[in-house]
Amino acid sequence: PPGTRDQFRLRLERGTSPGTTEIYLSHRGVVQIGCDKNQLWQLRPPEPETEAEMLRRLLLFLGAQEAQARVLLGADAGKPRATLVTGEGHDNGVVRLSGDMDTAWRRVGLAIERVGFVVEDRDRSKGLYYVRAGDAVKEATREKKGFFSWFGGGKPAPAAERYQIKLTPQPAGGKEPATDVEVADAAGALDTTPAATRIVELLFEQLK
């Protein structure tokens, strides 16, 4: 539609089963607000239906049948979402996801990309994403920027802080499996700064 822009990011990752590849597709969109010289670009809310449609088209292009594509896209449908847990020793909050570690890894990876964090490295065996998030945190606070700055264009971004996004499986105890997602600093220590708290909030908005 007029006054909107969209960005899609495609990522391939080795699957947990030998000889398989996992495809991740994330979407970010902005909408133009204001008028004349006061026009600004504002990040739009998450649009999972847009991601699903683009991924469906990609699966069809790669040779999947329509019915098969819909089954694959609906694999996670109806599963419980996330809750934001405070206290319990988590001063800056923790996002608790229902589901096993593999499901959590996929969902968190997409959430990280949707909010615009730069993934510098990842270690799936340890449940760690190493991200650079400073500029994306500033964008999320609705700092006034031009259109190209939302998508990595314009002036070079200032030096950004580095963080670890840590995924920790929780003991099931006879219940459904769950995975906690929290933010640590670059050295791996739990980060309780306002910026880290904001990152937890941003991830929760994408995961709930």
N, C-alpha and C. Protein backbone atom coordinates (compact mmCIF):
# COMPACT_ATOMS: atom_id res chain seq x y z
N PRO A 1 0.83 -1.21 0.00
CA PRO A 1 0.00 0.00 0.00
C PRO A 1 0.86 1.26 0.00
N PRO A 2 0.35 2.38 -0.50
CA PRO A 2 1.12 3.62 -0.48
C PRO A 2 1.53 4.01 0.93
N GLY A 3 2.73 4.56 1.06
CA GLY A 3 3.19 4.99 2.37
C GLY A 3 3.74 3.89 3.25
N THR A 4 3.98 2.72 2.67
CA THR A 4 4.55 1.62 3.44
C THR A 4 5.75 1.04 2.69
N ARG A 5 6.67 0.45 3.44
CA ARG A 5 7.83 -0.22 2.85
C ARG A 5 8.05 -1.52 3.61
N ASP A 6 8.56 -2.53 2.92
CA ASP A 6 8.75 -3.84 3.52
C ASP A 6 10.16 -4.36 3.23
N GLN A 7 10.70 -5.09 4.21
CA GLN A 7 11.99 -5.74 4.04
C GLN A 7 11.85 -7.19 4.49
N PHE A 8 12.35 -8.11 3.66
CA PHE A 8 12.34 -9.52 4.00
C PHE A 8 13.79 -10.02 4.08
N ARG A 9 14.06 -10.84 5.11
CA ARG A 9 15.39 -11.39 5.28
C ARG A 9 15.29 -12.91 5.29
N LEU A 10 16.11 -13.54 4.48
CA LEU A 10 16.10 -15.00 4.36
C LEU A 10 17.41 -15.54 4.93
N ARG A 11 17.28 -16.55 5.80
CA ARG A 11 18.47 -17.15 6.42
C ARG A 11 18.36 -18.66 6.35
N LEU A 12 19.48 -19.32 6.01
CA LEU A 12 19.54 -20.78 5.96
C LEU A 12 20.43 -21.26 7.09
N GLU A 13 19.99 -22.32 7.77
CA GLU A 13 20.76 -22.87 8.87
C GLU A 13 20.71 -24.39 8.80
N ARG A 14 21.82 -25.03 9.13
CA ARG A 14 21.86 -26.49 9.10
C ARG A 14 20.83 -27.06 10.07
N GLY A 15 20.06 -28.03 9.60
CA GLY A 15 19.02 -28.62 10.41
C GLY A 15 19.56 -29.56 11.48
N THR A 16 18.72 -29.89 12.43
CA THR A 16 19.14 -30.80 13.49
C THR A 16 19.28 -32.23 12.98
N SER A 17 18.55 -32.59 11.93
CA SER A 17 18.68 -33.91 11.31
C SER A 17 19.70 -33.86 10.19
N PRO A 18 20.55 -34.90 10.05
CA PRO A 18 21.57 -34.91 9.00
C PRO A 18 20.96 -34.71 7.62
N GLY A 19 21.63 -33.89 6.81
CA GLY A 19 21.19 -33.68 5.44
C GLY A 19 20.00 -32.76 5.29
N THR A 20 19.64 -32.02 6.34
CA THR A 20 18.50 -31.10 6.25
C THR A 20 18.94 -29.66 6.44
N THR A 21 18.16 -28.75 5.92
CA THR A 21 18.41 -27.31 6.05
C THR A 21 17.14 -26.62 6.50
N GLU A 22 17.25 -25.75 7.48
CA GLU A 22 16.11 -24.98 7.96
C GLU A 22 16.11 -23.61 7.29
N ILE A 23 14.95 -23.16 6.85
CA ILE A 23 14.79 -21.87 6.19
C ILE A 23 14.06 -20.92 7.12
N TYR A 24 14.65 -19.76 7.37
CA TYR A 24 14.05 -18.74 8.22
C TYR A 24 13.77 -17.51 7.35
N LEU A 25 12.54 -17.02 7.43
CA LEU A 25 12.18 -15.81 6.70
C LEU A 25 11.55 -14.83 7.68
N SER A 26 12.13 -13.64 7.78
CA SER A 26 11.59 -12.64 8.70
C SER A 26 11.21 -11.38 7.93
N HIS A 27 10.28 -10.63 8.49
CA HIS A 27 9.75 -9.44 7.83
C HIS A 27 9.81 -8.25 8.76
N ARG A 28 10.19 -7.10 8.21
CA ARG A 28 10.09 -5.83 8.93
C ARG A 28 9.41 -4.84 8.00
N GLY A 29 8.46 -4.09 8.55
CA GLY A 29 7.76 -3.11 7.73
C GLY A 29 7.69 -1.76 8.42
N VAL A 30 7.66 -0.70 7.63
CA VAL A 30 7.51 0.64 8.17
C VAL A 30 6.36 1.33 7.47
N VAL A 31 5.78 2.30 8.14
CA VAL A 31 4.69 3.08 7.58
C VAL A 31 5.03 4.56 7.72
N GLN A 32 4.65 5.33 6.73
CA GLN A 32 4.94 6.77 6.74
C GLN A 32 3.84 7.50 7.51
N ILE A 33 4.25 8.33 8.46
CA ILE A 33 3.30 9.10 9.24
C ILE A 33 3.63 10.58 9.12
N GLY A 34 2.67 11.42 9.43
CA GLY A 34 2.87 12.86 9.31
C GLY A 34 2.61 13.32 7.89
N CYS A 35 2.95 14.54 7.60
CA CYS A 35 2.72 15.09 6.27
C CYS A 35 3.79 16.12 5.94
N ASP A 36 3.95 16.36 4.65
CA ASP A 36 4.90 17.34 4.13
C ASP A 36 6.30 17.13 4.73
N LYS A 37 6.89 18.18 5.29
CA LYS A 37 8.25 18.10 5.80
C LYS A 37 8.35 17.34 7.12
N ASN A 38 7.23 17.05 7.74
CA ASN A 38 7.24 16.36 9.02
C ASN A 38 7.01 14.86 8.89
N GLN A 39 7.16 14.34 7.68
CA GLN A 39 6.94 12.92 7.47
C GLN A 39 8.05 12.08 8.12
N LEU A 40 7.63 11.01 8.81
CA LEU A 40 8.57 10.10 9.46
C LEU A 40 8.18 8.66 9.11
N TRP A 41 9.14 7.78 9.21
CA TRP A 41 8.89 6.36 9.01
C TRP A 41 8.85 5.67 10.36
N GLN A 42 7.76 4.94 10.63
CA GLN A 42 7.58 4.28 11.91
C GLN A 42 7.45 2.78 11.70
N LEU A 43 8.10 2.02 12.56
CA LEU A 43 8.06 0.56 12.47
C LEU A 43 6.64 0.06 12.69
N ARG A 44 6.18 -0.84 11.82
CA ARG A 44 4.84 -1.42 11.95
C ARG A 44 4.85 -2.60 12.92
N PRO A 45 3.69 -2.93 13.49
CA PRO A 45 3.60 -4.10 14.36
C PRO A 45 3.96 -5.38 13.59
N PRO A 46 4.29 -6.46 14.29
CA PRO A 46 4.60 -7.72 13.62
C PRO A 46 3.46 -8.17 12.72
N GLU A 47 3.80 -8.76 11.58
CA GLU A 47 2.80 -9.24 10.63
C GLU A 47 3.11 -10.70 10.27
N PRO A 48 2.81 -11.63 11.17
CA PRO A 48 3.13 -13.04 10.91
C PRO A 48 2.45 -13.59 9.66
N GLU A 49 1.28 -13.04 9.32
CA GLU A 49 0.60 -13.52 8.13
C GLU A 49 1.37 -13.16 6.86
N THR A 50 2.07 -12.01 6.87
CA THR A 50 2.88 -11.62 5.72
C THR A 50 4.08 -12.55 5.57
N GLU A 51 4.72 -12.86 6.69
CA GLU A 51 5.84 -13.80 6.66
C GLU A 51 5.38 -15.17 6.14
N ALA A 52 4.23 -15.64 6.64
CA ALA A 52 3.73 -16.95 6.24
C ALA A 52 3.44 -17.01 4.75
N GLU A 53 2.87 -15.94 4.20
CA GLU A 53 2.55 -15.92 2.77
C GLU A 53 3.82 -15.94 1.93
N MET A 54 4.83 -15.16 2.30
CA MET A 54 6.07 -15.15 1.53
C MET A 54 6.78 -16.50 1.63
N LEU A 55 6.75 -17.12 2.82
CA LEU A 55 7.38 -18.42 2.98
C LEU A 55 6.63 -19.49 2.18
N ARG A 56 5.30 -19.36 2.12
CA ARG A 56 4.51 -20.30 1.31
C ARG A 56 4.92 -20.20 -0.16
N ARG A 57 5.07 -18.99 -0.66
CA ARG A 57 5.48 -18.80 -2.06
C ARG A 57 6.87 -19.38 -2.30
N LEU A 58 7.76 -19.21 -1.32
CA LEU A 58 9.11 -19.75 -1.47
C LEU A 58 9.09 -21.28 -1.51
N LEU A 59 8.28 -21.89 -0.64
CA LEU A 59 8.19 -23.35 -0.64
C LEU A 59 7.65 -23.87 -1.96
N LEU A 60 6.66 -23.19 -2.53
CA LEU A 60 6.12 -23.59 -3.82
C LEU A 60 7.18 -23.44 -4.91
N PHE A 61 7.96 -22.38 -4.86
CA PHE A 61 9.02 -22.16 -5.84
C PHE A 61 10.07 -23.26 -5.76
N LEU A 62 10.33 -23.76 -4.52
CA LEU A 62 11.34 -24.81 -4.33
C LEU A 62 10.80 -26.20 -4.66
N GLY A 63 9.52 -26.29 -5.03
CA GLY A 63 9.00 -27.57 -5.48
C GLY A 63 7.98 -28.23 -4.59
N ALA A 64 7.64 -27.61 -3.45
CA ALA A 64 6.64 -28.19 -2.56
C ALA A 64 5.25 -28.06 -3.17
N GLN A 65 4.37 -29.00 -2.86
CA GLN A 65 2.98 -28.90 -3.28
C GLN A 65 2.23 -27.97 -2.32
N GLU A 66 1.12 -27.41 -2.79
CA GLU A 66 0.35 -26.47 -1.98
C GLU A 66 -0.05 -27.07 -0.64
N ALA A 67 -0.56 -28.30 -0.66
CA ALA A 67 -1.00 -28.94 0.58
C ALA A 67 0.18 -29.16 1.52
N GLN A 68 1.32 -29.57 0.97
CA GLN A 68 2.51 -29.79 1.78
C GLN A 68 3.00 -28.50 2.41
N ALA A 69 2.99 -27.42 1.64
CA ALA A 69 3.43 -26.12 2.15
C ALA A 69 2.56 -25.66 3.31
N ARG A 70 1.26 -25.86 3.19
CA ARG A 70 0.35 -25.43 4.26
C ARG A 70 0.56 -26.25 5.54
N VAL A 71 0.86 -27.53 5.38
CA VAL A 71 1.14 -28.36 6.54
C VAL A 71 2.41 -27.90 7.25
N LEU A 72 3.45 -27.61 6.46
CA LEU A 72 4.71 -27.15 7.04
C LEU A 72 4.55 -25.82 7.76
N LEU A 73 3.79 -24.91 7.16
CA LEU A 73 3.60 -23.60 7.77
C LEU A 73 2.72 -23.67 9.01
N GLY A 74 1.88 -24.67 9.08
CA GLY A 74 0.98 -24.80 10.23
C GLY A 74 1.53 -25.66 11.34
N ALA A 75 2.82 -26.04 11.24
CA ALA A 75 3.39 -26.96 12.22
C ALA A 75 3.37 -26.39 13.63
N ASP A 76 3.58 -25.06 13.75
CA ASP A 76 3.61 -24.43 15.07
C ASP A 76 2.30 -23.73 15.42
N ALA A 77 1.30 -23.84 14.55
CA ALA A 77 0.06 -23.12 14.78
C ALA A 77 -0.66 -23.67 16.00
N GLY A 78 -1.23 -22.77 16.78
CA GLY A 78 -2.01 -23.17 17.93
C GLY A 78 -1.20 -23.46 19.17
N LYS A 79 0.12 -23.42 19.07
CA LYS A 79 0.93 -23.69 20.25
C LYS A 79 0.92 -22.49 21.18
N PRO A 80 1.03 -22.71 22.49
CA PRO A 80 1.03 -21.59 23.44
C PRO A 80 2.14 -20.61 23.13
N ARG A 81 1.92 -19.37 23.43
CA ARG A 81 2.89 -18.34 23.13
C ARG A 81 3.84 -18.13 24.30
N ALA A 82 4.21 -16.90 24.58
CA ALA A 82 5.22 -16.60 25.59
C ALA A 82 4.63 -15.82 26.74
N THR A 83 5.31 -15.89 27.87
CA THR A 83 4.96 -15.07 29.03
C THR A 83 6.20 -14.33 29.49
N LEU A 84 6.00 -13.16 30.07
CA LEU A 84 7.11 -12.37 30.60
C LEU A 84 7.15 -12.59 32.10
N VAL A 85 8.24 -13.17 32.59
CA VAL A 85 8.39 -13.50 34.00
C VAL A 85 9.33 -12.51 34.66
N THR A 86 8.91 -11.94 35.75
CA THR A 86 9.77 -11.04 36.53
C THR A 86 9.98 -11.65 37.91
N GLY A 87 11.02 -11.20 38.58
CA GLY A 87 11.36 -11.80 39.86
C GLY A 87 12.07 -13.12 39.63
N GLU A 88 11.98 -14.02 40.56
CA GLU A 88 12.63 -15.32 40.47
C GLU A 88 14.12 -15.18 40.16
N GLY A 89 14.72 -14.09 40.62
CA GLY A 89 16.14 -13.87 40.35
C GLY A 89 16.43 -13.24 39.02
N HIS A 90 15.38 -12.86 38.27
CA HIS A 90 15.56 -12.25 36.96
C HIS A 90 15.19 -10.77 37.06
N ASP A 91 16.16 -9.95 37.39
CA ASP A 91 15.87 -8.53 37.64
C ASP A 91 15.37 -7.81 36.40
N ASN A 92 15.84 -8.21 35.22
CA ASN A 92 15.40 -7.52 34.01
C ASN A 92 14.34 -8.30 33.26
N GLY A 93 13.79 -9.34 33.89
CA GLY A 93 12.74 -10.12 33.25
C GLY A 93 13.29 -11.22 32.36
N VAL A 94 12.48 -12.23 32.16
CA VAL A 94 12.85 -13.33 31.28
C VAL A 94 11.61 -13.72 30.48
N VAL A 95 11.80 -14.02 29.21
CA VAL A 95 10.70 -14.48 28.36
C VAL A 95 10.66 -16.00 28.45
N ARG A 96 9.52 -16.54 28.88
CA ARG A 96 9.38 -17.99 29.00
C ARG A 96 8.51 -18.51 27.86
N LEU A 97 9.10 -19.35 27.02
CA LEU A 97 8.41 -19.91 25.86
C LEU A 97 7.96 -21.33 26.15
N SER A 98 6.75 -21.65 25.78
CA SER A 98 6.29 -23.03 25.85
C SER A 98 6.82 -23.77 24.63
N GLY A 99 7.29 -24.97 24.85
CA GLY A 99 7.82 -25.76 23.74
C GLY A 99 9.25 -26.17 23.99
N ASP A 100 9.73 -27.09 23.13
CA ASP A 100 11.08 -27.61 23.31
C ASP A 100 12.13 -26.62 22.80
N MET A 101 13.38 -26.99 22.98
CA MET A 101 14.49 -26.10 22.64
C MET A 101 14.55 -25.80 21.14
N ASP A 102 14.28 -26.80 20.31
CA ASP A 102 14.34 -26.58 18.86
C ASP A 102 13.30 -25.55 18.42
N THR A 103 12.09 -25.67 18.97
CA THR A 103 11.04 -24.71 18.64
C THR A 103 11.41 -23.32 19.12
N ALA A 104 11.93 -23.23 20.34
CA ALA A 104 12.33 -21.93 20.89
C ALA A 104 13.45 -21.32 20.08
N TRP A 105 14.40 -22.12 19.65
CA TRP A 105 15.52 -21.60 18.86
C TRP A 105 15.03 -20.95 17.57
N ARG A 106 14.10 -21.61 16.90
CA ARG A 106 13.55 -21.05 15.66
C ARG A 106 12.82 -19.74 15.93
N ARG A 107 11.96 -19.74 16.95
CA ARG A 107 11.15 -18.55 17.21
C ARG A 107 12.00 -17.37 17.65
N VAL A 108 12.99 -17.62 18.51
CA VAL A 108 13.84 -16.52 18.98
C VAL A 108 14.69 -15.98 17.84
N GLY A 109 15.20 -16.87 16.97
CA GLY A 109 15.99 -16.41 15.84
C GLY A 109 15.21 -15.45 14.95
N LEU A 110 13.95 -15.75 14.70
CA LEU A 110 13.10 -14.87 13.90
C LEU A 110 12.82 -13.56 14.64
N ALA A 111 12.56 -13.65 15.95
CA ALA A 111 12.27 -12.44 16.73
C ALA A 111 13.45 -11.49 16.72
N ILE A 112 14.66 -12.03 16.84
CA ILE A 112 15.88 -11.22 16.82
C ILE A 112 15.98 -10.46 15.50
N GLU A 113 15.68 -11.13 14.40
CA GLU A 113 15.78 -10.48 13.10
C GLU A 113 14.66 -9.46 12.89
N ARG A 114 13.48 -9.75 13.41
CA ARG A 114 12.36 -8.81 13.23
C ARG A 114 12.62 -7.47 13.89
N VAL A 115 13.28 -7.47 15.05
CA VAL A 115 13.54 -6.20 15.73
C VAL A 115 14.81 -5.52 15.22
N GLY A 116 15.52 -6.16 14.29
CA GLY A 116 16.65 -5.51 13.64
C GLY A 116 17.98 -5.70 14.31
N PHE A 117 18.10 -6.65 15.23
CA PHE A 117 19.40 -6.92 15.83
C PHE A 117 20.31 -7.60 14.80
N VAL A 118 21.60 -7.35 14.91
CA VAL A 118 22.57 -7.98 14.03
C VAL A 118 23.13 -9.21 14.73
N VAL A 119 22.94 -10.39 14.15
CA VAL A 119 23.48 -11.62 14.72
C VAL A 119 24.91 -11.78 14.23
N GLU A 120 25.86 -11.64 15.14
CA GLU A 120 27.26 -11.77 14.78
C GLU A 120 27.75 -13.20 14.84
N ASP A 121 27.12 -14.01 15.68
CA ASP A 121 27.48 -15.43 15.79
C ASP A 121 26.36 -16.14 16.53
N ARG A 122 26.36 -17.46 16.47
CA ARG A 122 25.36 -18.26 17.18
C ARG A 122 25.97 -19.60 17.53
N ASP A 123 25.52 -20.18 18.64
CA ASP A 123 25.97 -21.50 19.05
C ASP A 123 24.73 -22.26 19.52
N ARG A 124 24.19 -23.06 18.62
CA ARG A 124 22.94 -23.74 18.91
C ARG A 124 23.10 -24.74 20.04
N SER A 125 24.26 -25.39 20.11
CA SER A 125 24.46 -26.40 21.16
C SER A 125 24.43 -25.79 22.55
N LYS A 126 24.78 -24.50 22.67
CA LYS A 126 24.76 -23.81 23.96
C LYS A 126 23.54 -22.90 24.11
N GLY A 127 22.73 -22.80 23.06
CA GLY A 127 21.55 -21.94 23.12
C GLY A 127 21.90 -20.46 23.17
N LEU A 128 22.90 -20.04 22.40
CA LEU A 128 23.37 -18.66 22.46
C LEU A 128 23.30 -17.97 21.10
N TYR A 129 22.72 -16.78 21.09
CA TYR A 129 22.84 -15.86 19.97
C TYR A 129 23.72 -14.70 20.43
N TYR A 130 24.73 -14.36 19.64
CA TYR A 130 25.59 -13.22 19.93
C TYR A 130 25.13 -12.07 19.03
N VAL A 131 24.61 -11.01 19.63
CA VAL A 131 23.98 -9.97 18.84
C VAL A 131 24.56 -8.59 19.13
N ARG A 132 24.41 -7.71 18.16
CA ARG A 132 24.69 -6.29 18.33
C ARG A 132 23.35 -5.58 18.22
N ALA A 133 22.94 -4.95 19.29
CA ALA A 133 21.55 -4.49 19.37
C ALA A 133 21.37 -3.01 19.63
N GLY A 134 22.43 -2.28 19.88
CA GLY A 134 22.29 -0.90 20.31
C GLY A 134 21.46 -0.03 19.40
N ASP A 135 21.74 -0.07 18.09
CA ASP A 135 21.02 0.80 17.16
C ASP A 135 19.56 0.41 17.07
N ALA A 136 19.29 -0.90 17.11
CA ALA A 136 17.90 -1.35 17.05
C ALA A 136 17.12 -0.93 18.29
N VAL A 137 17.77 -0.89 19.44
CA VAL A 137 17.11 -0.43 20.65
C VAL A 137 16.72 1.03 20.51
N LYS A 138 17.59 1.85 19.93
CA LYS A 138 17.28 3.26 19.72
C LYS A 138 16.11 3.42 18.76
N GLU A 139 16.08 2.59 17.70
CA GLU A 139 14.97 2.67 16.75
C GLU A 139 13.65 2.34 17.44
N ALA A 140 13.68 1.35 18.31
CA ALA A 140 12.45 0.90 18.96
C ALA A 140 11.90 1.95 19.91
N THR A 141 12.71 2.89 20.35
CA THR A 141 12.23 3.97 21.20
C THR A 141 11.68 5.14 20.37
N ARG A 142 11.49 4.84 19.06
CA ARG A 142 10.86 5.78 18.14
C ARG A 142 11.69 7.06 17.95
N GLU A 143 13.00 6.90 17.98
CA GLU A 143 13.86 8.04 17.67
C GLU A 143 13.58 8.46 16.23
N LYS A 144 13.55 9.75 15.95
CA LYS A 144 13.21 10.23 14.62
C LYS A 144 14.35 9.92 13.66
N LYS A 145 14.02 9.14 12.60
CA LYS A 145 15.00 8.76 11.60
C LYS A 145 14.36 8.81 10.23
N GLY A 146 15.18 8.88 9.21
CA GLY A 146 14.70 8.81 7.85
C GLY A 146 14.41 7.38 7.46
N PHE A 147 13.79 7.20 6.29
CA PHE A 147 13.37 5.87 5.85
C PHE A 147 14.55 4.91 5.73
N PHE A 148 15.66 5.33 5.09
CA PHE A 148 16.74 4.40 4.83
C PHE A 148 17.44 3.94 6.10
N SER A 149 17.38 4.74 7.17
CA SER A 149 18.03 4.34 8.42
C SER A 149 17.35 3.12 9.02
N TRP A 150 16.05 2.94 8.74
CA TRP A 150 15.36 1.78 9.28
C TRP A 150 15.90 0.49 8.69
N PHE A 151 16.40 0.55 7.45
CA PHE A 151 16.84 -0.65 6.76
C PHE A 151 18.35 -0.69 6.58
N GLY A 152 19.07 0.07 7.40
CA GLY A 152 20.52 -0.04 7.37
C GLY A 152 21.19 0.92 6.41
N GLY A 153 20.44 1.84 5.81
CA GLY A 153 21.03 2.79 4.90
C GLY A 153 21.35 4.09 5.61
N GLY A 154 21.61 5.14 4.84
CA GLY A 154 21.88 6.44 5.42
C GLY A 154 23.25 6.49 6.08
N LYS A 155 23.39 7.32 7.10
CA LYS A 155 24.67 7.48 7.77
C LYS A 155 25.05 6.22 8.53
N PRO A 156 26.37 5.96 8.67
CA PRO A 156 26.80 4.77 9.42
C PRO A 156 26.27 4.81 10.85
N ALA A 157 25.86 3.66 11.34
CA ALA A 157 25.34 3.58 12.70
C ALA A 157 26.45 3.75 13.72
N PRO A 158 26.16 4.36 14.85
CA PRO A 158 27.17 4.48 15.90
C PRO A 158 27.54 3.11 16.45
N ALA A 159 28.64 3.02 17.16
CA ALA A 159 29.06 1.76 17.76
C ALA A 159 27.96 1.24 18.67
N ALA A 160 27.62 -0.02 18.52
CA ALA A 160 26.49 -0.59 19.25
C ALA A 160 26.99 -1.58 20.28
N GLU A 161 26.23 -1.71 21.34
CA GLU A 161 26.59 -2.65 22.39
C GLU A 161 26.35 -4.09 21.92
N ARG A 162 27.12 -5.00 22.46
CA ARG A 162 26.98 -6.42 22.13
C ARG A 162 26.39 -7.17 23.32
N TYR A 163 25.54 -8.13 23.01
CA TYR A 163 24.85 -8.90 24.03
C TYR A 163 24.80 -10.38 23.64
N GLN A 164 24.47 -11.21 24.61
CA GLN A 164 24.17 -12.61 24.36
C GLN A 164 22.70 -12.84 24.69
N ILE A 165 21.99 -13.46 23.76
CA ILE A 165 20.63 -13.89 24.02
C ILE A 165 20.72 -15.37 24.38
N LYS A 166 20.36 -15.69 25.63
CA LYS A 166 20.58 -17.03 26.15
C LYS A 166 19.26 -17.79 26.26
N LEU A 167 19.23 -19.01 25.70
CA LEU A 167 18.07 -19.88 25.77
C LEU A 167 18.40 -21.03 26.72
N THR A 168 17.56 -21.23 27.73
CA THR A 168 17.80 -22.26 28.73
C THR A 168 16.57 -23.14 28.89
N PRO A 169 16.63 -24.42 28.52
CA PRO A 169 15.49 -25.32 28.73
C PRO A 169 15.17 -25.44 30.22
N GLN A 170 13.89 -25.48 30.54
CA GLN A 170 13.46 -25.60 31.92
C GLN A 170 12.99 -27.02 32.21
N PRO A 171 13.22 -27.52 33.44
CA PRO A 171 12.76 -28.86 33.79
C PRO A 171 11.25 -29.00 33.58
N ALA A 172 10.86 -30.05 32.90
CA ALA A 172 9.43 -30.22 32.58
C ALA A 172 8.62 -30.52 33.83
N GLY A 173 9.10 -31.41 34.69
CA GLY A 173 8.37 -31.74 35.90
C GLY A 173 6.97 -32.26 35.64
N GLY A 174 6.82 -33.03 34.55
CA GLY A 174 5.50 -33.57 34.22
C GLY A 174 4.63 -32.62 33.43
N LYS A 175 5.12 -31.39 33.19
CA LYS A 175 4.35 -30.41 32.43
C LYS A 175 4.92 -30.30 31.02
N GLU A 176 4.32 -29.39 30.23
CA GLU A 176 4.84 -29.14 28.90
C GLU A 176 6.23 -28.53 28.99
N PRO A 177 7.15 -28.87 28.06
CA PRO A 177 8.49 -28.29 28.09
C PRO A 177 8.44 -26.79 27.91
N ALA A 178 9.42 -26.10 28.46
CA ALA A 178 9.49 -24.64 28.35
C ALA A 178 10.95 -24.22 28.22
N THR A 179 11.17 -23.06 27.66
CA THR A 179 12.52 -22.52 27.47
C THR A 179 12.53 -21.07 27.90
N ASP A 180 13.50 -20.70 28.74
CA ASP A 180 13.65 -19.31 29.17
C ASP A 180 14.61 -18.57 28.25
N VAL A 181 14.27 -17.32 27.96
CA VAL A 181 15.10 -16.46 27.11
C VAL A 181 15.47 -15.23 27.91
N GLU A 182 16.76 -15.00 28.10
CA GLU A 182 17.21 -13.83 28.86
C GLU A 182 18.40 -13.19 28.18
N VAL A 183 18.77 -12.00 28.65
CA VAL A 183 19.83 -11.21 28.03
C VAL A 183 21.04 -11.15 28.94
N ALA A 184 22.21 -11.44 28.39
CA ALA A 184 23.48 -11.33 29.11
C ALA A 184 24.37 -10.33 28.39
N ASP A 185 25.38 -9.85 29.09
CA ASP A 185 26.31 -8.94 28.44
C ASP A 185 27.27 -9.74 27.57
N ALA A 186 28.23 -9.05 26.94
CA ALA A 186 29.13 -9.70 26.00
C ALA A 186 29.97 -10.79 26.64
N ALA A 187 30.19 -10.69 27.96
CA ALA A 187 31.00 -11.67 28.67
C ALA A 187 30.17 -12.85 29.18
N GLY A 188 28.85 -12.78 29.03
CA GLY A 188 27.99 -13.87 29.45
C GLY A 188 27.35 -13.69 30.81
N ALA A 189 27.58 -12.56 31.47
CA ALA A 189 26.98 -12.30 32.77
C ALA A 189 25.60 -11.69 32.58
N LEU A 190 24.65 -12.06 33.45
CA LEU A 190 23.30 -11.52 33.35
C LEU A 190 23.34 -9.99 33.37
N ASP A 191 22.69 -9.37 32.40
CA ASP A 191 22.72 -7.92 32.24
C ASP A 191 21.44 -7.32 32.81
N THR A 192 21.58 -6.39 33.76
CA THR A 192 20.40 -5.77 34.38
C THR A 192 20.29 -4.29 34.05
N THR A 193 20.99 -3.83 33.00
CA THR A 193 20.92 -2.43 32.61
C THR A 193 19.57 -2.13 31.95
N PRO A 194 19.18 -0.85 31.88
CA PRO A 194 17.93 -0.50 31.20
C PRO A 194 17.89 -0.96 29.75
N ALA A 195 19.05 -0.93 29.07
CA ALA A 195 19.09 -1.38 27.68
C ALA A 195 18.75 -2.86 27.57
N ALA A 196 19.28 -3.67 28.48
CA ALA A 196 19.00 -5.10 28.46
C ALA A 196 17.53 -5.36 28.76
N THR A 197 16.97 -4.60 29.70
CA THR A 197 15.54 -4.74 30.00
C THR A 197 14.70 -4.41 28.78
N ARG A 198 15.11 -3.39 28.04
CA ARG A 198 14.39 -3.01 26.83
C ARG A 198 14.47 -4.11 25.77
N ILE A 199 15.62 -4.79 25.68
CA ILE A 199 15.77 -5.88 24.73
C ILE A 199 14.81 -7.01 25.07
N VAL A 200 14.70 -7.33 26.36
CA VAL A 200 13.76 -8.37 26.79
C VAL A 200 12.34 -7.99 26.37
N GLU A 201 11.98 -6.72 26.56
CA GLU A 201 10.64 -6.26 26.20
C GLU A 201 10.41 -6.37 24.69
N LEU A 202 11.41 -6.01 23.89
CA LEU A 202 11.30 -6.08 22.44
C LEU A 202 11.11 -7.52 21.98
N LEU A 203 11.88 -8.44 22.54
CA LEU A 203 11.74 -9.85 22.17
C LEU A 203 10.36 -10.38 22.57
N PHE A 204 9.90 -9.99 23.75
CA PHE A 204 8.59 -10.45 24.21
C PHE A 204 7.48 -9.98 23.28
N GLU A 205 7.58 -8.74 22.81
CA GLU A 205 6.57 -8.22 21.89
C GLU A 205 6.47 -9.07 20.63
N GLN A 206 7.61 -9.61 20.19
CA GLN A 206 7.61 -10.42 18.99
C GLN A 206 7.20 -11.87 19.26
N LEU A 207 7.38 -12.33 20.49
CA LEU A 207 7.17 -13.74 20.79
C LEU A 207 5.82 -14.05 21.43
N LYS A 208 5.14 -13.04 21.98
CA LYS A 208 3.90 -13.32 22.71
C LYS A 208 2.76 -13.72 21.80
